[in-house]
Protein backbone atom coordinates (compact mmCIF):
# COMPACT_ATOMS: atom_id res chain seq x y z
CA UNK A 1 31.36 -25.77 -117.24
CA UNK A 2 34.70 -27.45 -117.87
CA UNK A 3 33.81 -28.01 -121.41
CA UNK A 4 32.85 -24.35 -121.92
CA UNK A 5 36.08 -23.21 -120.46
CA UNK A 6 38.17 -25.61 -122.56
CA UNK A 7 36.32 -24.51 -125.68
CA UNK A 8 37.03 -20.84 -124.88
CA UNK A 9 40.69 -21.61 -124.19
CA UNK A 10 40.92 -23.28 -127.61
CA UNK A 11 38.95 -20.56 -129.33
CA UNK A 12 41.26 -17.82 -127.94
CA UNK A 13 44.45 -19.93 -128.58
CA UNK A 14 45.42 -19.77 -124.91
CA UNK A 15 47.76 -22.19 -123.04
CA UNK A 16 46.08 -25.04 -121.07
CA UNK A 17 47.32 -23.34 -117.96
CA UNK A 18 44.77 -20.58 -118.43
CA UNK A 19 42.24 -22.91 -116.84
CA UNK A 20 43.88 -22.06 -113.52
CA UNK A 21 43.41 -18.39 -114.19
CA UNK A 22 39.70 -19.03 -114.90
CA UNK A 23 39.31 -20.85 -111.54
CA UNK A 24 41.41 -18.34 -109.59
CA UNK A 25 40.31 -15.03 -111.12
CA UNK A 26 37.42 -15.19 -113.61
CA UNK A 27 34.90 -17.43 -111.80
CA UNK A 28 35.03 -15.36 -108.68
CA UNK A 29 34.41 -12.35 -110.84
CA UNK A 30 31.49 -14.03 -112.48
CA UNK A 31 30.06 -14.95 -109.10
CA UNK A 32 30.51 -11.24 -107.95
CA UNK A 33 28.55 -9.99 -111.06
CA UNK A 34 25.92 -12.69 -110.59
CA UNK A 35 25.37 -11.71 -106.94
CA UNK A 36 25.30 -7.93 -107.87
CA UNK A 37 22.59 -8.59 -110.41
CA UNK A 38 20.49 -10.76 -108.10
CA UNK A 39 20.54 -8.00 -105.49
CA UNK A 40 18.96 -5.45 -107.90
CA UNK A 41 15.82 -5.12 -110.00
CA UNK A 42 17.58 -3.71 -113.04
CA UNK A 43 20.27 -4.98 -115.43
CA UNK A 44 23.75 -4.13 -114.23
CA UNK A 45 26.47 -2.40 -116.20
CA UNK A 46 30.07 -3.65 -115.55
CA UNK A 47 33.01 -1.49 -116.61
CA UNK A 48 36.36 -3.25 -117.24
CA UNK A 49 39.45 -1.04 -117.28
CA UNK A 50 42.85 -2.16 -118.43
CA UNK A 51 45.85 -0.69 -120.25
CA UNK A 52 46.82 -2.14 -123.59
CA UNK A 53 47.95 -5.76 -123.33
CA UNK A 54 46.37 -6.54 -119.90
CA UNK A 55 43.94 -9.13 -121.36
CA UNK A 56 40.66 -7.31 -120.85
CA UNK A 57 39.19 -8.50 -124.10
CA UNK A 58 39.84 -12.12 -123.20
CA UNK A 59 38.50 -11.65 -119.71
CA UNK A 60 35.38 -10.00 -121.13
CA UNK A 61 34.83 -12.95 -123.52
CA UNK A 62 35.08 -15.51 -120.76
CA UNK A 63 32.73 -13.54 -118.41
CA UNK A 64 30.12 -13.09 -121.10
CA UNK A 65 30.07 -16.81 -122.00
CA UNK A 66 30.07 -18.00 -118.41
CA UNK A 67 27.44 -15.59 -117.20
CA UNK A 68 25.12 -16.37 -120.20
CA UNK A 69 25.63 -20.17 -120.26
CA UNK A 70 26.16 -21.22 -116.67
CA UNK A 71 24.54 -18.41 -114.59
CA UNK A 72 21.59 -18.10 -116.94
CA UNK A 73 22.07 -14.36 -117.18
CA UNK A 74 21.91 -13.09 -120.77
CA UNK A 75 25.06 -10.97 -121.09
CA UNK A 76 25.92 -8.45 -123.77
CA UNK A 77 29.37 -6.93 -124.22
CA UNK A 78 31.15 -4.32 -126.36
CA UNK A 79 34.35 -2.35 -126.22
CA UNK A 80 34.83 1.35 -126.15
CA UNK A 81 36.96 0.74 -129.28
CA UNK A 82 33.78 -0.12 -131.07
CA UNK A 83 32.40 3.32 -130.39
CA UNK A 84 35.25 5.18 -132.17
CA UNK A 85 34.06 8.04 -134.33
CA UNK A 86 34.19 7.36 -138.04
CA UNK A 87 37.29 8.27 -139.97
CA UNK A 88 35.46 11.23 -141.50
CA UNK A 89 34.31 12.47 -138.05
CA UNK A 90 37.91 12.27 -136.70
CA UNK A 91 39.22 14.07 -139.70
CA UNK A 92 36.84 16.90 -138.99
CA UNK A 93 37.81 16.91 -135.29
CA UNK A 94 41.46 17.02 -136.26
CA UNK A 95 40.77 19.92 -138.58
CA UNK A 96 38.53 21.84 -136.14
CA UNK A 97 40.27 21.20 -132.81
CA UNK A 98 43.72 19.58 -133.04
CA UNK A 99 45.55 17.34 -135.58
CA UNK A 100 46.33 14.74 -132.88
CA UNK A 101 42.65 13.74 -132.94
CA UNK A 102 43.15 11.86 -136.16
CA UNK A 103 44.57 9.07 -134.06
CA UNK A 104 41.78 7.17 -132.36
CA UNK A 105 41.99 6.30 -128.71
CA UNK A 106 41.66 9.15 -126.33
CA UNK A 107 38.37 10.58 -124.92
CA UNK A 108 36.91 12.76 -127.56
CA UNK A 109 37.38 10.08 -130.37
CA UNK A 110 34.36 7.93 -129.29
CA UNK A 111 30.66 8.30 -130.05
CA UNK A 112 29.56 8.08 -126.40
CA UNK A 113 25.98 8.86 -127.40
CA UNK A 114 25.90 5.77 -129.59
CA UNK A 115 27.20 3.66 -126.64
CA UNK A 116 24.41 5.10 -124.41
CA UNK A 117 21.75 4.26 -126.99
CA UNK A 118 22.99 0.62 -127.07
CA UNK A 119 22.95 0.41 -123.27
CA UNK A 120 19.48 1.89 -123.04
CA UNK A 121 18.05 -0.45 -125.66
CA UNK A 122 19.66 -3.50 -124.08
CA UNK A 123 18.11 -2.61 -120.72
CA UNK A 124 14.62 -1.92 -122.09
CA UNK A 125 14.46 -4.72 -124.56
CA UNK A 126 11.64 -7.18 -124.72
CA UNK A 127 11.96 -10.92 -125.52
CA UNK A 128 11.95 -10.32 -129.21
CA UNK A 129 13.88 -7.04 -129.37
CA UNK A 130 17.02 -7.06 -131.53
CA UNK A 131 19.81 -4.69 -130.62
CA UNK A 132 22.77 -4.21 -132.95
CA UNK A 133 26.14 -3.93 -131.22
CA UNK A 134 28.56 -1.52 -132.92
CA UNK A 135 31.73 -2.77 -134.51
CA UNK A 136 34.81 -0.73 -135.50
CA UNK A 137 37.00 -2.10 -138.23
CA UNK A 138 40.57 -1.29 -137.34
CA UNK A 139 41.86 -2.60 -140.67
CA UNK A 140 39.88 0.12 -142.39
CA UNK A 141 40.23 2.64 -139.49
CA UNK A 142 36.54 3.12 -139.77
CA UNK A 143 33.27 1.91 -138.37
CA UNK A 144 31.87 -1.13 -139.90
CA UNK A 145 28.59 -0.79 -141.89
CA UNK A 146 25.64 -1.14 -139.56
CA UNK A 147 24.25 -4.25 -141.41
CA UNK A 148 27.42 -6.07 -140.36
CA UNK A 149 26.96 -5.42 -136.66
CA UNK A 150 26.23 -8.50 -134.59
CA UNK A 151 22.71 -8.67 -133.05
CA UNK A 152 21.85 -9.24 -129.38
CA UNK A 153 18.39 -10.66 -129.03
CA UNK A 154 16.22 -9.99 -126.02
CA UNK A 155 16.97 -8.13 -122.72
CA UNK A 156 20.50 -8.14 -121.36
CA UNK A 157 20.71 -8.85 -117.60
CA UNK A 158 24.43 -7.96 -117.57
CA UNK A 159 26.19 -5.43 -119.88
CA UNK A 160 29.96 -5.63 -120.03
CA UNK A 161 31.94 -2.65 -121.35
CA UNK A 162 35.72 -2.88 -121.67
CA UNK A 163 38.24 -0.21 -122.61
CA UNK A 164 41.65 1.22 -121.74
CA UNK A 165 40.13 4.38 -120.43
CA UNK A 166 36.93 2.89 -118.96
CA UNK A 167 36.08 4.79 -115.75
CA UNK A 168 39.00 7.13 -116.07
CA UNK A 169 38.98 10.43 -114.11
CA UNK A 170 39.81 13.89 -115.44
CA UNK A 171 42.97 15.67 -114.41
CA UNK A 172 42.87 17.03 -110.86
CA UNK A 173 44.12 20.44 -111.74
CA UNK A 174 44.90 22.75 -114.64
CA UNK A 175 48.58 22.95 -113.68
CA UNK A 176 48.83 19.14 -113.72
CA UNK A 177 47.23 19.09 -117.18
CA UNK A 178 49.60 21.67 -118.60
CA UNK A 179 52.73 19.76 -117.56
CA UNK A 180 53.75 17.60 -120.61
CA UNK A 181 54.29 13.85 -119.66
CA UNK A 182 56.09 12.98 -122.88
CA UNK A 183 57.65 14.31 -126.17
CA UNK A 184 54.36 14.04 -128.04
CA UNK A 185 52.65 16.47 -125.64
CA UNK A 186 55.65 18.67 -125.51
CA UNK A 187 56.28 19.03 -129.27
CA UNK A 188 52.87 18.51 -130.86
CA UNK A 189 50.54 19.97 -128.19
CA UNK A 190 52.73 22.76 -126.69
CA UNK A 191 49.63 24.94 -125.86
CA UNK A 192 47.72 22.04 -124.34
CA UNK A 193 44.81 22.41 -126.70
CA UNK A 194 44.58 18.58 -127.38
CA UNK A 195 44.83 17.44 -123.73
CA UNK A 196 42.52 20.21 -122.52
CA UNK A 197 39.87 18.96 -124.97
CA UNK A 198 40.37 15.34 -123.82
CA UNK A 199 40.03 16.40 -120.21
CA UNK A 200 36.80 18.41 -120.88
CA UNK A 201 35.40 15.26 -122.54
CA UNK A 202 36.26 13.25 -119.38
CA UNK A 203 34.52 15.80 -117.17
CA UNK A 204 31.46 15.89 -119.40
CA UNK A 205 29.97 13.18 -121.60
CA UNK A 206 32.45 10.44 -120.61
CA UNK A 207 31.99 11.20 -116.91
CA UNK A 208 28.22 10.80 -117.21
CA UNK A 209 28.71 7.61 -119.25
CA UNK A 210 31.05 6.15 -116.63
CA UNK A 211 28.83 7.13 -113.63
CA UNK A 212 26.23 4.54 -114.69
CA UNK A 213 28.73 1.70 -114.00
CA UNK A 214 27.49 -0.53 -111.18
CA UNK A 215 30.92 -2.25 -110.70
CA UNK A 216 34.36 -1.15 -112.05
CA UNK A 217 36.87 -3.84 -112.61
CA UNK A 218 40.42 -2.85 -113.04
CA UNK A 219 43.24 -4.93 -114.56
CA UNK A 220 46.27 -3.17 -113.15
CA UNK A 221 49.41 -3.36 -115.24
CA UNK A 222 52.74 -3.41 -113.35
CA UNK A 223 53.86 -0.14 -114.96
CA UNK A 224 53.62 2.05 -118.04
CA UNK A 225 56.97 0.66 -119.14
CA UNK A 226 55.29 -2.83 -119.22
CA UNK A 227 52.50 -1.53 -121.30
CA UNK A 228 55.03 -0.20 -123.88
CA UNK A 229 56.96 -3.46 -123.81
CA UNK A 230 53.78 -5.54 -124.27
CA UNK A 231 52.59 -3.44 -127.17
CA UNK A 232 56.01 -3.60 -128.87
CA UNK A 233 56.16 -7.34 -128.40
CA UNK A 234 52.74 -7.68 -129.97
CA UNK A 235 53.94 -5.81 -133.12
CA UNK A 236 57.08 -8.08 -133.21
CA UNK A 237 54.78 -11.14 -133.17
CA UNK A 238 52.52 -9.72 -135.87
CA UNK A 239 55.67 -9.00 -137.97
CA UNK A 240 57.00 -12.53 -137.54
CA UNK A 241 53.63 -14.07 -138.59
CA UNK A 242 53.17 -11.81 -141.67
CA UNK A 243 56.84 -11.70 -142.74
CA UNK A 244 56.39 -7.92 -143.43
CA UNK A 245 59.03 -5.46 -142.23
CA UNK A 246 57.80 -1.95 -141.13
CA UNK A 247 58.92 1.01 -143.22
CA UNK A 248 60.70 3.56 -141.04
CA UNK A 249 59.78 6.28 -143.45
CA UNK A 250 56.13 5.73 -142.65
CA UNK A 251 56.55 7.09 -139.10
CA UNK A 252 54.23 10.11 -139.14
CA UNK A 253 51.62 11.79 -136.96
CA UNK A 254 48.74 10.41 -138.92
CA UNK A 255 50.13 6.87 -139.41
CA UNK A 256 50.34 5.52 -135.90
CA UNK A 257 47.33 3.18 -135.92
CA UNK A 258 47.29 -0.41 -134.50
CA UNK A 259 45.60 -1.72 -137.71
CA UNK A 260 48.92 -2.43 -139.35
CA UNK A 261 52.35 -3.44 -138.24
CA UNK A 262 54.21 -0.67 -136.48
CA UNK A 263 57.91 -0.05 -136.13
CA UNK A 264 59.25 0.21 -132.61
CA UNK A 265 59.47 4.01 -133.09
CA UNK A 266 55.77 4.09 -134.13
CA UNK A 267 54.76 2.05 -131.17
CA UNK A 268 56.49 4.53 -128.84
CA UNK A 269 54.69 7.43 -130.44
CA UNK A 270 51.34 5.66 -130.47
CA UNK A 271 51.45 4.83 -126.76
CA UNK A 272 52.30 8.47 -125.94
CA UNK A 273 48.72 9.30 -126.90
CA UNK A 274 47.55 6.96 -124.12
CA UNK A 275 50.22 7.73 -121.61
CA UNK A 276 48.79 10.54 -119.49
CA UNK A 277 45.47 8.88 -118.74
CA UNK A 278 47.08 5.37 -118.30
CA UNK A 279 49.61 6.70 -115.81
CA UNK A 280 46.89 8.62 -113.88
CA UNK A 281 44.63 5.55 -113.84
CA UNK A 282 47.47 3.26 -112.59
CA UNK A 283 47.98 5.81 -109.75
CA UNK A 284 44.42 6.59 -108.61
CA UNK A 285 42.02 3.95 -109.85
CA UNK A 286 43.13 0.96 -107.65
CA UNK A 287 41.83 2.88 -104.50
CA UNK A 288 38.33 3.19 -105.98
CA UNK A 289 37.86 0.22 -108.31
CA UNK A 290 35.21 -2.23 -107.11
CA UNK A 291 37.36 -5.15 -108.25
CA UNK A 292 41.18 -5.00 -108.62
CA UNK A 293 43.21 -7.61 -110.44
CA UNK A 294 46.92 -7.28 -110.51
CA UNK A 295 48.50 -8.28 -113.84
CA UNK A 296 52.03 -9.52 -113.50
CA UNK A 297 54.86 -8.86 -116.10
CA UNK A 298 54.18 -12.38 -117.59
CA UNK A 299 50.52 -11.40 -118.07
CA UNK A 300 49.27 -13.67 -115.33
CA UNK A 301 46.34 -12.54 -113.19
CA UNK A 302 46.27 -12.32 -109.40
CA UNK A 303 43.25 -13.12 -107.34
CA UNK A 304 40.48 -10.42 -107.62
CA UNK A 305 40.25 -8.03 -104.66
CA UNK A 306 36.52 -7.27 -104.49
CA UNK A 307 35.11 -4.36 -102.48
CA UNK A 308 31.43 -4.20 -101.61
CA UNK A 309 29.84 -0.80 -102.14
CA UNK A 310 28.11 0.60 -99.24
C-alpha cells in the first residue's frame, strides 16, 4: 500500500507530507466505504461534496485507487462536472430560460439522465461489460466526443461521484430564494428567474439523483471567503506558469469560464454563480452528511467524522 500511496502522491504532484493526510483521513474513509459495501448486497454510491478548491478530486482519485487495489473492490468514479450539458444545449437553455445558464456549474446545467444511465450500467454490468464514463473538456467548454471517454470494464462495487453541489438541498422557502445574496443575482437576475429554475432542478431531477447516495462525504471549507481566495490563487498560479496576463476587457457575462486564465474580477463574478448553494451547503449539510471532513485554510484535512445511518 505504501508504494501505491507514494505513486499517487507523485502523480498528483503533492508534497510528501500528504502521506500523513492519507493515513489520517483517506484510509479511514476507504475503510468506511469498504464496510458499507460489505454490509449490503448491491454496489454502493458515494457522493463527495466540496466547494471549489477543497481537494475533492484528489480525494476521489486516492479512494478509487485504494479501494480497487487494496480492498479488492472495483471502483468507478466521475465528477458532476463531466455531466455538463453540451455548449449547444446550454446556449439553448440560456436563450429559452435565462442568459446566466450559458455559464456551466449550477443545477440545470448538467445532464443528470446521462449520469443515471452510467450508474445503472455500472451496477448491472457483467464481467465483460464496458461502460463509457463521460468526460467534459473544459478547454473547449463542451463535452468530449464519446469515443474519447474512458472505459470501465465489469461491474463496479463502489461508485464515487464528486461535485461542488453533490447532495445539495433546495432553498427552504420562496422568500429566502428571492433575497439576492450577491451583485450577480441582484443585477442580472432581478426577477429571480435563474435561481428559481435552479431551485426547481434541485427539488426535481437532482433531488432524485442525490437520493440514491448511500453515503455523503462533505469536505467543509472554512468559509465562502476562503473559497474565493483559493480560486483566485489558483488563477494566479496558472498565470505564473503560462506567462499570460488576463485581459480586463474580456470580463463579460458569457466569458467567466474556468477553462482559461481569469482576472481577479472574473473570478469574483464566476464564484457568484456558485455562492448561494455553497453558502447554504456550508450552513446545513454538516448536520446531515454521513462523513464530515473539515478543510483548514491551508487546505489540510481534519480527521473524518463518520456517522452510522440507522
